[in-house]
């Protein structure tokens, strides 16, 4: 139940927040001096943050692609209108 609650909290983070947490977690792992349990826990958290960052980037890429397609279609229609007037 606790893990599910943490997943829900993680889903509400912005890309920048998740990425900053990921960077901090990686720095802690790289600095060493952790117990196996601490390192494992941090690694799990970093994987969650990595997954969230990837999901947010993918969603943004889809939005940008749709916007670009809509813009391209609009420009094509304008060009068609202009060519039919001539």
C-alpha atoms as a PDB file:
ATOM      1  CA  UNK A   1       0.000   0.000   0.000  1.00  0.00           C
ATOM      2  CA  UNK A   2       2.847   2.392   0.868  1.00  0.00           C
ATOM      3  CA  UNK A   3       4.520   1.785  -2.509  1.00  0.00           C
ATOM      4  CA  UNK A   4       1.258   2.536  -4.338  1.00  0.00           C
ATOM      5  CA  UNK A   5       0.907   5.818  -2.424  1.00  0.00           C
ATOM      6  CA  UNK A   6       4.493   6.788  -3.336  1.00  0.00           C
ATOM      7  CA  UNK A   7       3.804   5.983  -7.002  1.00  0.00           C
ATOM      8  CA  UNK A   8       0.807   8.326  -6.932  1.00  0.00           C
ATOM      9  CA  UNK A   9       2.912  11.083  -5.362  1.00  0.00           C
ATOM     10  CA  UNK A  10       5.609  10.556  -7.988  1.00  0.00           C
ATOM     11  CA  UNK A  11       3.076  10.852 -10.813  1.00  0.00           C
ATOM     12  CA  UNK A  12       2.246  14.393  -9.652  1.00  0.00           C
ATOM     13  CA  UNK A  13       5.810  15.623 -10.077  1.00  0.00           C
ATOM     14  CA  UNK A  14       6.898  17.826 -12.941  1.00  0.00           C
ATOM     15  CA  UNK A  15       9.676  16.663 -15.234  1.00  0.00           C
ATOM     16  CA  UNK A  16      12.071  19.102 -13.604  1.00  0.00           C
ATOM     17  CA  UNK A  17      11.230  17.879 -10.087  1.00  0.00           C
ATOM     18  CA  UNK A  18      11.576  14.233 -11.080  1.00  0.00           C
ATOM     19  CA  UNK A  19      14.843  14.866 -12.910  1.00  0.00           C
ATOM     20  CA  UNK A  20      16.299  16.772  -9.953  1.00  0.00           C
ATOM     21  CA  UNK A  21      15.375  13.889  -7.630  1.00  0.00           C
ATOM     22  CA  UNK A  22      16.911  11.441 -10.085  1.00  0.00           C
ATOM     23  CA  UNK A  23      20.149  13.441 -10.186  1.00  0.00           C
ATOM     24  CA  UNK A  24      20.286  13.581  -6.386  1.00  0.00           C
ATOM     25  CA  UNK A  25      19.684   9.863  -6.090  1.00  0.00           C
ATOM     26  CA  UNK A  26      22.399   9.070  -8.631  1.00  0.00           C
ATOM     27  CA  UNK A  27      24.868  11.311  -6.773  1.00  0.00           C
ATOM     28  CA  UNK A  28      24.118   9.503  -3.506  1.00  0.00           C
ATOM     29  CA  UNK A  29      24.636   6.137  -5.190  1.00  0.00           C
ATOM     30  CA  UNK A  30      27.879   7.254  -6.815  1.00  0.00           C
ATOM     31  CA  UNK A  31      29.279   8.679  -3.581  1.00  0.00           C
ATOM     32  CA  UNK A  32      29.181   5.241  -1.995  1.00  0.00           C
ATOM     33  CA  UNK A  33      29.242   4.472   1.704  1.00  0.00           C
ATOM     34  CA  UNK A  34      25.720   3.048   1.617  1.00  0.00           C
ATOM     35  CA  UNK A  35      24.487  -0.216   2.990  1.00  0.00           C
ATOM     36  CA  UNK A  36      23.187  -2.721   0.489  1.00  0.00           C
ATOM     37  CA  UNK A  37      19.636  -2.004   1.642  1.00  0.00           C
ATOM     38  CA  UNK A  38      20.087   1.773   1.260  1.00  0.00           C
ATOM     39  CA  UNK A  39      21.667   1.387  -2.170  1.00  0.00           C
ATOM     40  CA  UNK A  40      18.890  -0.946  -3.311  1.00  0.00           C
ATOM     41  CA  UNK A  41      16.213   1.432  -2.072  1.00  0.00           C
ATOM     42  CA  UNK A  42      17.871   4.388  -3.805  1.00  0.00           C
ATOM     43  CA  UNK A  43      18.254   2.380  -6.994  1.00  0.00           C
ATOM     44  CA  UNK A  44      14.551   1.503  -6.944  1.00  0.00           C
ATOM     45  CA  UNK A  45      13.656   5.163  -6.419  1.00  0.00           C
ATOM     46  CA  UNK A  46      15.953   6.213  -9.256  1.00  0.00           C
ATOM     47  CA  UNK A  47      14.295   3.709 -11.580  1.00  0.00           C
ATOM     48  CA  UNK A  48      10.865   5.138 -10.695  1.00  0.00           C
ATOM     49  CA  UNK A  49      12.075   8.674 -11.348  1.00  0.00           C
ATOM     50  CA  UNK A  50      13.706   7.579 -14.589  1.00  0.00           C
ATOM     51  CA  UNK A  51      10.490   5.919 -15.718  1.00  0.00           C
ATOM     52  CA  UNK A  52       8.475   9.022 -14.813  1.00  0.00           C
ATOM     53  CA  UNK A  53      10.892  11.296 -16.693  1.00  0.00           C
ATOM     54  CA  UNK A  54      10.634   9.036 -19.723  1.00  0.00           C
ATOM     55  CA  UNK A  55       6.825   9.043 -19.572  1.00  0.00           C
ATOM     56  CA  UNK A  56       6.710  12.825 -19.290  1.00  0.00           C
ATOM     57  CA  UNK A  57       9.134  13.261 -22.190  1.00  0.00           C
ATOM     58  CA  UNK A  58       7.150  10.821 -24.338  1.00  0.00           C
ATOM     59  CA  UNK A  59       3.882  12.617 -23.583  1.00  0.00           C
ATOM     60  CA  UNK A  60       5.478  15.946 -24.489  1.00  0.00           C
ATOM     61  CA  UNK A  61       6.878  14.506 -27.707  1.00  0.00           C
ATOM     62  CA  UNK A  62       3.402  13.308 -28.688  1.00  0.00           C
ATOM     63  CA  UNK A  63       1.927  16.755 -27.972  1.00  0.00           C
ATOM     64  CA  UNK A  64       4.611  18.500 -30.020  1.00  0.00           C
ATOM     65  CA  UNK A  65       4.132  16.056 -32.897  1.00  0.00           C
ATOM     66  CA  UNK A  66       0.365  16.636 -32.899  1.00  0.00           C
ATOM     67  CA  UNK A  67       0.842  20.403 -32.815  1.00  0.00           C
ATOM     68  CA  UNK A  68       3.320  20.239 -35.689  1.00  0.00           C
ATOM     69  CA  UNK A  69       0.964  18.055 -37.731  1.00  0.00           C
ATOM     70  CA  UNK A  70      -1.937  20.436 -37.099  1.00  0.00           C
ATOM     71  CA  UNK A  71       0.219  23.393 -38.099  1.00  0.00           C
ATOM     72  CA  UNK A  72       1.440  21.629 -41.258  1.00  0.00           C
ATOM     73  CA  UNK A  73      -2.143  20.782 -42.188  1.00  0.00           C
ATOM     74  CA  UNK A  74      -3.240  24.358 -41.612  1.00  0.00           C
ATOM     75  CA  UNK A  75      -0.400  25.662 -43.793  1.00  0.00           C
ATOM     76  CA  UNK A  76      -1.289  23.166 -46.513  1.00  0.00           C
ATOM     77  CA  UNK A  77      -4.902  24.361 -46.479  1.00  0.00           C
ATOM     78  CA  UNK A  78      -3.778  27.996 -46.703  1.00  0.00           C
ATOM     79  CA  UNK A  79      -1.526  27.154 -49.646  1.00  0.00           C
ATOM     80  CA  UNK A  80      -4.419  25.296 -51.328  1.00  0.00           C
ATOM     81  CA  UNK A  81      -6.721  28.296 -50.802  1.00  0.00           C
ATOM     82  CA  UNK A  82      -4.131  30.686 -52.189  1.00  0.00           C
ATOM     83  CA  UNK A  83      -3.522  28.551 -55.260  1.00  0.00           C
ATOM     84  CA  UNK A  84      -7.243  28.244 -55.976  1.00  0.00           C
ATOM     85  CA  UNK A  85      -7.637  32.052 -55.859  1.00  0.00           C
ATOM     86  CA  UNK A  86      -4.965  32.559 -58.494  1.00  0.00           C
END
